[in-house]
Every structure is written in structure tokens, then in C-alpha cells.
Amino acid sequence: MKKIKGMSILITGGGSGIGAGAARYFAERGAKVTICGRQEGKVKSVADGLGANCLGVKGDVTKEEEREHALQSALNHGKGLDALISNAGNMLRGPITDLKEDELLELFHTNVVSGMMLTGMAVPHLEKSQGAVIFIGSIHTRRAFPGASPYAATKGSLEALTGVLAAELGAKKIRVNCILPGAVPTDINIRAGLFTEEEHASRMKAIAPLHVLNRVGTSEEIAEAIDYLIRAEWTTGSSLVVDGGLSLGISPF
């Protein structure tokens, strides 16, 4: 397997949650990590806390010029690109009868289209390194949560995309895989205005027993799975479930 030390890794949505956890994990192991996110203060805080191995740049991946800036920053910081972790995303919930078309399109732009476009831009550089693309999917494609159809639809798109791009880019020796996390504390629902911090914490506590391992996960545990998919040179087109058994659908009776 490849070694993480010295790799150049670009992480979108790196200002909090899984993205920030992955940045910490890889920077501590000697990778040159570049993170981007819409909230400049959060991105800078994460990068400053990780030292010289992590570069933080403000970047809204739904905007072409900011995607280009994030990619170029990673190329400069890491002297190339070995892995793209496409993690930026947003949340939208509501009954199917109440959804608004413009909000759905905005969600797909953030969660799916932006990652596709950034991947396309990264291909020439990943081909040089025989690198990897990792999409962050969700257990929402394995377990149905009423009211979450918009989010689940975008994450289902990423799984389909993973297989197609793995087949398409295999000839260039670029591997494409997807991680499907279970419940991991992030601020995605808070940022979307769906829960307060207190409500989110209560929700995490309530959902913990639905996992076979009786707890929610951590961003570091998701990073460990990403690590494998970045380095495993004969793994592509896979959707790796990392969910503490949430998708098994255990019942209390």
C-alpha cells in the first residue's frame, strides 16, 4: 500500500465535522493537506491548529473560480495532488409534498454537481500520481429516514457516480471510492437551521442505540476508512459502509 506521509490531499468542507477530522488525521501523519470551505473563520481555525502541514483556503465549491483556487492551492502546497476527498455538503429535509424545486436544485449543486466538476478538474493531476477520489456518501442510502429524501437522493447519486467514474478513470490509474458513514457528530443539520446545538446533541444521544455497537462514530473513525481507500491500490468502485451497524436495522424487540 502507498504511504500517507508526503501525500498531497485536498479536502472540501474541511472547516468542521468529518472534513476537519480527516484533515487532522492526515496532517498528523505527515500529509500535506489543503482544506477549503465556505466559512473562512472555521477553515482558518482548523488549519492554524494543525500547523504547517495544513493549508486552509476559503472556497465555495459551487463556484468555478473558487474550485479552481482550492485545487491550485493544493497543487502548490503539496507539489501535486494524490487524493481528493469530496466532502462538502449541505442538508435539506421535509415532506415530499412541501419540497421546493429551487432548494432541491441548490442541494444537488452543492452535494453532487460541485464534486463532479472538481473531480474533472483534478483528473490530470491525479493521473500523474495514480491517485484517488473519495466521495463522502451516507448511510441514508441503506436505511430510510422519512423526511430526508432530498439528502438521501444526493447521496445515492454519489454512490452511482462512484461506480461510473471508477470505470471511466480506471484506465488512467485513478481509483474512485465512496464512504458511507453512520451517525457522526457534525454541524450539517445545525448549519442548515434544522436543529440547535442542544437539539443536535440530544439527537445523537437518541440515535446511538440504533447502532449495533451502541454509539455514534467519530470523524477519526471515518478518516481511518478514508485512509484505507486512498492507499489501497486494488480497490476502486467501492462504497464502504462505516456505520457501527446502523444499517443492519436492529430492533428493540
Protein backbone atom coordinates (compact mmCIF):
# COMPACT_ATOMS: atom_id res chain seq x y z
CA MET A 1 0.00 0.00 0.00
CA LYS A 2 1.02 3.59 -0.53
CA LYS A 3 2.27 5.70 2.36
CA ILE A 4 0.32 8.73 3.57
CA LYS A 5 3.39 10.72 4.60
CA GLY A 6 4.20 13.29 1.95
CA MET A 7 0.93 12.90 0.06
CA SER A 8 -0.94 15.98 -1.15
CA ILE A 9 -4.61 15.74 -0.12
CA LEU A 10 -7.42 18.20 -0.88
CA ILE A 11 -10.46 18.08 1.41
CA THR A 12 -13.59 20.06 0.64
CA GLY A 13 -15.86 21.01 3.52
CA GLY A 14 -12.82 20.96 5.78
CA GLY A 15 -13.91 23.53 8.33
CA SER A 16 -15.83 21.16 10.60
CA GLY A 17 -17.07 17.61 11.18
CA ILE A 18 -15.74 14.79 9.04
CA GLY A 19 -13.69 17.14 6.86
CA ALA A 20 -11.90 18.72 9.81
CA GLY A 21 -11.37 15.31 11.41
CA ALA A 22 -9.86 13.95 8.20
CA ALA A 23 -7.60 16.99 7.93
CA ARG A 24 -6.32 16.39 11.45
CA TYR A 25 -5.81 12.67 10.84
CA PHE A 26 -3.79 13.10 7.64
CA ALA A 27 -1.82 16.18 8.71
CA GLU A 28 -0.71 14.39 11.87
CA ARG A 29 0.58 11.55 9.67
CA GLY A 30 2.72 13.80 7.53
CA ALA A 31 0.45 14.53 4.56
CA LYS A 32 0.28 17.99 3.00
CA VAL A 33 -3.39 18.74 3.50
CA THR A 34 -5.35 21.56 1.89
CA ILE A 35 -8.84 22.24 3.20
CA CYS A 36 -11.49 24.54 1.82
CA GLY A 37 -14.90 25.66 2.99
CA ARG A 38 -17.39 28.48 2.78
CA GLN A 39 -16.79 29.72 6.34
CA GLU A 40 -13.34 31.27 6.27
CA GLY A 41 -13.06 31.58 10.05
CA LYS A 42 -13.69 27.87 10.64
CA VAL A 43 -11.33 26.79 7.88
CA LYS A 44 -8.57 29.07 9.21
CA SER A 45 -9.11 27.83 12.77
CA VAL A 46 -8.72 24.18 11.73
CA ALA A 47 -5.64 24.90 9.62
CA ASP A 48 -3.97 27.04 12.27
CA GLY A 49 -4.47 24.29 14.81
CA LEU A 50 -2.73 21.73 12.61
CA GLY A 51 0.40 23.68 11.75
CA ALA A 52 2.46 23.77 8.58
CA ASN A 53 1.09 20.51 7.13
CA CYS A 54 -2.38 22.03 6.70
CA LEU A 55 -3.33 24.94 4.45
CA GLY A 56 -6.79 26.46 4.76
CA VAL A 57 -8.43 28.41 1.95
CA LYS A 58 -11.88 29.94 1.67
CA GLY A 59 -13.68 28.09 -1.07
CA ASP A 60 -17.29 27.61 -2.12
CA VAL A 61 -17.16 24.53 -4.34
CA THR A 62 -20.37 25.53 -6.14
CA LYS A 63 -18.40 28.38 -7.77
CA GLU A 64 -15.98 27.53 -10.57
CA GLU A 65 -13.37 30.15 -9.73
CA GLU A 66 -13.28 29.05 -6.09
CA ARG A 67 -12.95 25.38 -7.07
CA GLU A 68 -10.02 26.38 -9.25
CA HIS A 69 -8.46 28.35 -6.39
CA ALA A 70 -8.80 25.43 -3.96
CA LEU A 71 -7.27 22.99 -6.45
CA GLN A 72 -4.38 25.28 -7.32
CA SER A 73 -3.74 25.90 -3.63
CA ALA A 74 -3.48 22.13 -3.05
CA LEU A 75 -1.15 21.73 -6.03
CA ASN A 76 1.12 24.45 -4.70
CA HIS A 77 1.00 23.34 -1.06
CA GLY A 78 1.58 19.66 -1.76
CA LYS A 79 3.52 19.94 -5.02
CA GLY A 80 0.90 17.89 -6.84
CA LEU A 81 -2.25 16.02 -5.86
CA ASP A 82 -2.57 12.47 -4.58
CA ALA A 83 -6.14 12.43 -3.27
CA LEU A 84 -9.34 14.43 -3.43
CA ILE A 85 -11.78 13.95 -0.55
CA SER A 86 -15.08 15.35 -1.80
CA ASN A 87 -16.82 16.07 1.48
CA ALA A 88 -18.57 19.44 1.08
CA GLY A 89 -22.31 19.12 1.51
CA ASN A 90 -25.49 20.56 2.88
CA MET A 91 -28.76 19.22 4.29
CA LEU A 92 -32.41 19.67 3.30
CA ARG A 93 -35.31 17.92 4.98
CA GLY A 94 -39.06 17.99 4.60
CA PRO A 95 -42.11 16.04 3.43
CA ILE A 96 -42.14 15.34 -0.31
CA THR A 97 -45.32 17.44 -0.56
CA ASP A 98 -43.54 20.53 0.76
CA LEU A 99 -40.24 20.50 -1.15
CA LYS A 100 -39.32 23.46 -3.34
CA GLU A 101 -37.63 22.92 -6.68
CA ASP A 102 -35.09 25.70 -6.28
CA GLU A 103 -33.98 24.33 -2.91
CA LEU A 104 -33.60 20.84 -4.35
CA LEU A 105 -31.50 22.13 -7.24
CA GLU A 106 -29.30 24.07 -4.85
CA LEU A 107 -28.77 20.95 -2.74
CA PHE A 108 -27.82 18.84 -5.76
CA HIS A 109 -25.45 21.59 -6.89
CA THR A 110 -23.66 21.54 -3.54
CA ASN A 111 -23.73 17.81 -2.80
CA VAL A 112 -23.28 16.32 -6.27
CA VAL A 113 -22.54 18.69 -9.15
CA SER A 114 -19.74 20.61 -7.44
CA GLY A 115 -17.92 17.37 -6.59
CA MET A 116 -18.27 16.15 -10.15
CA MET A 117 -16.83 19.37 -11.53
CA LEU A 118 -13.92 19.44 -9.08
CA THR A 119 -13.14 15.80 -9.85
CA GLY A 120 -13.00 16.61 -13.54
CA MET A 121 -10.57 19.44 -12.86
CA ALA A 122 -8.41 17.19 -10.70
CA VAL A 123 -8.12 14.30 -13.18
CA PRO A 124 -4.89 15.43 -14.96
CA HIS A 125 -3.13 15.81 -11.63
CA LEU A 126 -4.46 12.59 -10.11
CA GLU A 127 -3.40 10.73 -13.25
CA LYS A 128 0.20 11.81 -12.66
CA SER A 129 0.15 10.45 -9.10
CA GLN A 130 -2.12 7.46 -9.81
CA GLY A 131 -4.24 8.95 -7.07
CA ALA A 132 -7.70 8.59 -5.61
CA VAL A 133 -11.05 10.32 -5.30
CA ILE A 134 -13.13 9.68 -2.19
CA PHE A 135 -16.77 10.78 -2.10
CA ILE A 136 -18.44 11.07 1.29
CA GLY A 137 -21.82 9.41 0.94
CA SER A 138 -24.23 8.45 3.72
CA ILE A 139 -25.97 5.58 5.41
CA HIS A 140 -29.17 7.32 4.25
CA THR A 141 -28.89 5.09 1.16
CA ARG A 142 -29.02 1.98 3.32
CA ARG A 143 -31.58 2.99 5.91
CA ALA A 144 -34.66 5.11 5.20
CA PHE A 145 -35.31 8.19 7.32
CA PRO A 146 -38.69 9.79 6.48
CA GLY A 147 -38.39 13.43 5.54
CA ALA A 148 -34.79 13.09 4.36
CA SER A 149 -35.50 12.27 0.70
CA PRO A 150 -33.54 15.27 -0.68
CA TYR A 151 -30.35 14.39 1.18
CA ALA A 152 -30.70 10.67 0.51
CA ALA A 153 -31.19 11.33 -3.20
CA THR A 154 -27.96 13.32 -3.40
CA LYS A 155 -26.02 10.66 -1.54
CA GLY A 156 -27.48 7.94 -3.75
CA SER A 157 -26.22 9.95 -6.71
CA LEU A 158 -22.72 9.89 -5.27
CA GLU A 159 -22.80 6.10 -4.97
CA ALA A 160 -23.86 5.73 -8.60
CA LEU A 161 -21.25 8.27 -9.61
CA THR A 162 -18.56 6.33 -7.78
CA GLY A 163 -19.07 3.24 -9.91
CA VAL A 164 -19.26 5.10 -13.20
CA LEU A 165 -16.17 7.22 -12.53
CA ALA A 166 -14.22 4.22 -11.27
CA ALA A 167 -14.89 2.53 -14.61
CA GLU A 168 -14.20 5.70 -16.57
CA LEU A 169 -10.97 6.67 -14.83
CA GLY A 170 -9.52 3.22 -14.23
CA ALA A 171 -7.50 3.39 -17.44
CA LYS A 172 -5.79 6.48 -16.01
CA LYS A 173 -4.99 4.52 -12.80
CA ILE A 174 -7.25 6.81 -10.78
CA ARG A 175 -9.29 5.00 -8.14
CA VAL A 176 -12.73 6.26 -7.11
CA ASN A 177 -14.48 5.10 -3.94
CA CYS A 178 -17.18 6.21 -1.53
CA ILE A 179 -17.52 6.17 2.27
CA LEU A 180 -20.97 5.68 3.83
CA PRO A 181 -20.80 6.95 7.42
CA GLY A 182 -23.37 6.25 10.08
CA ALA A 183 -24.21 8.90 12.67
CA VAL A 184 -21.18 11.11 13.30
CA PRO A 185 -21.43 14.45 15.11
CA THR A 186 -21.16 17.25 12.54
CA ASP A 187 -22.76 20.67 12.23
CA ILE A 188 -24.53 20.00 8.93
CA ASN A 189 -28.01 19.99 10.48
CA ILE A 190 -27.19 23.00 12.65
CA ARG A 191 -25.82 24.91 9.66
CA ALA A 192 -28.98 24.11 7.70
CA GLY A 193 -31.05 25.59 10.52
CA LEU A 194 -32.77 22.29 11.34
CA PHE A 195 -31.54 21.89 14.92
CA THR A 196 -29.90 23.91 17.66
CA GLU A 197 -26.65 22.61 19.14
CA GLU A 198 -28.57 21.26 22.12
CA GLU A 199 -31.14 19.53 19.91
CA HIS A 200 -28.37 18.03 17.79
CA ALA A 201 -26.59 16.64 20.85
CA SER A 202 -29.86 15.15 22.10
CA ARG A 203 -30.49 13.60 18.69
CA MET A 204 -27.04 11.99 18.63
CA LYS A 205 -27.71 10.50 22.07
CA ALA A 206 -31.08 9.16 20.97
CA ILE A 207 -29.78 7.55 17.78
CA ALA A 208 -26.79 5.85 19.43
CA PRO A 209 -28.76 2.69 20.48
CA LEU A 210 -29.81 2.13 16.85
CA HIS A 211 -26.19 1.24 16.09
CA VAL A 212 -25.18 -2.35 16.82
CA LEU A 213 -22.13 -1.01 18.66
CA ASN A 214 -24.42 1.21 20.74
CA ARG A 215 -22.69 4.51 19.99
CA VAL A 216 -22.25 7.09 17.26
CA GLY A 217 -18.99 7.29 15.37
CA THR A 218 -16.17 9.81 15.30
CA SER A 219 -14.61 11.77 12.47
CA GLU A 220 -11.32 9.96 13.15
CA GLU A 221 -13.00 6.59 12.53
CA ILE A 222 -14.26 7.85 9.18
CA ALA A 223 -10.76 9.14 8.42
CA GLU A 224 -9.34 5.67 9.08
CA ALA A 225 -11.61 4.29 6.36
CA ILE A 226 -10.65 7.11 4.00
CA ASP A 227 -7.00 6.29 4.70
CA TYR A 228 -7.55 2.73 3.51
CA LEU A 229 -9.27 3.81 0.30
CA ILE A 230 -6.58 6.37 -0.51
CA ARG A 231 -3.79 3.81 -0.11
CA ALA A 232 -5.39 0.55 -1.32
CA GLU A 233 -4.13 0.24 -4.88
CA TRP A 234 -6.52 -2.53 -5.96
CA THR A 235 -9.74 -1.09 -4.55
CA THR A 236 -11.97 1.02 -6.78
CA GLY A 237 -15.69 1.47 -7.36
CA SER A 238 -16.45 0.51 -3.75
CA SER A 239 -18.97 2.01 -1.35
CA LEU A 240 -17.59 1.26 2.11
CA VAL A 241 -20.13 1.26 4.95
CA VAL A 242 -18.63 2.61 8.19
CA ASP A 243 -21.66 2.91 10.43
CA GLY A 244 -21.27 0.94 13.66
CA GLY A 245 -24.01 -1.39 12.42
CA LEU A 246 -26.72 1.27 11.94
CA SER A 247 -27.68 -0.07 8.52
CA LEU A 248 -28.41 -3.52 9.98
CA GLY A 249 -31.66 -2.12 11.29
CA ILE A 250 -31.63 -3.75 14.71
CA SER A 251 -34.91 -3.73 16.56
CA PRO A 252 -35.54 -3.43 20.32
CA PHE A 253 -37.99 -6.35 20.16
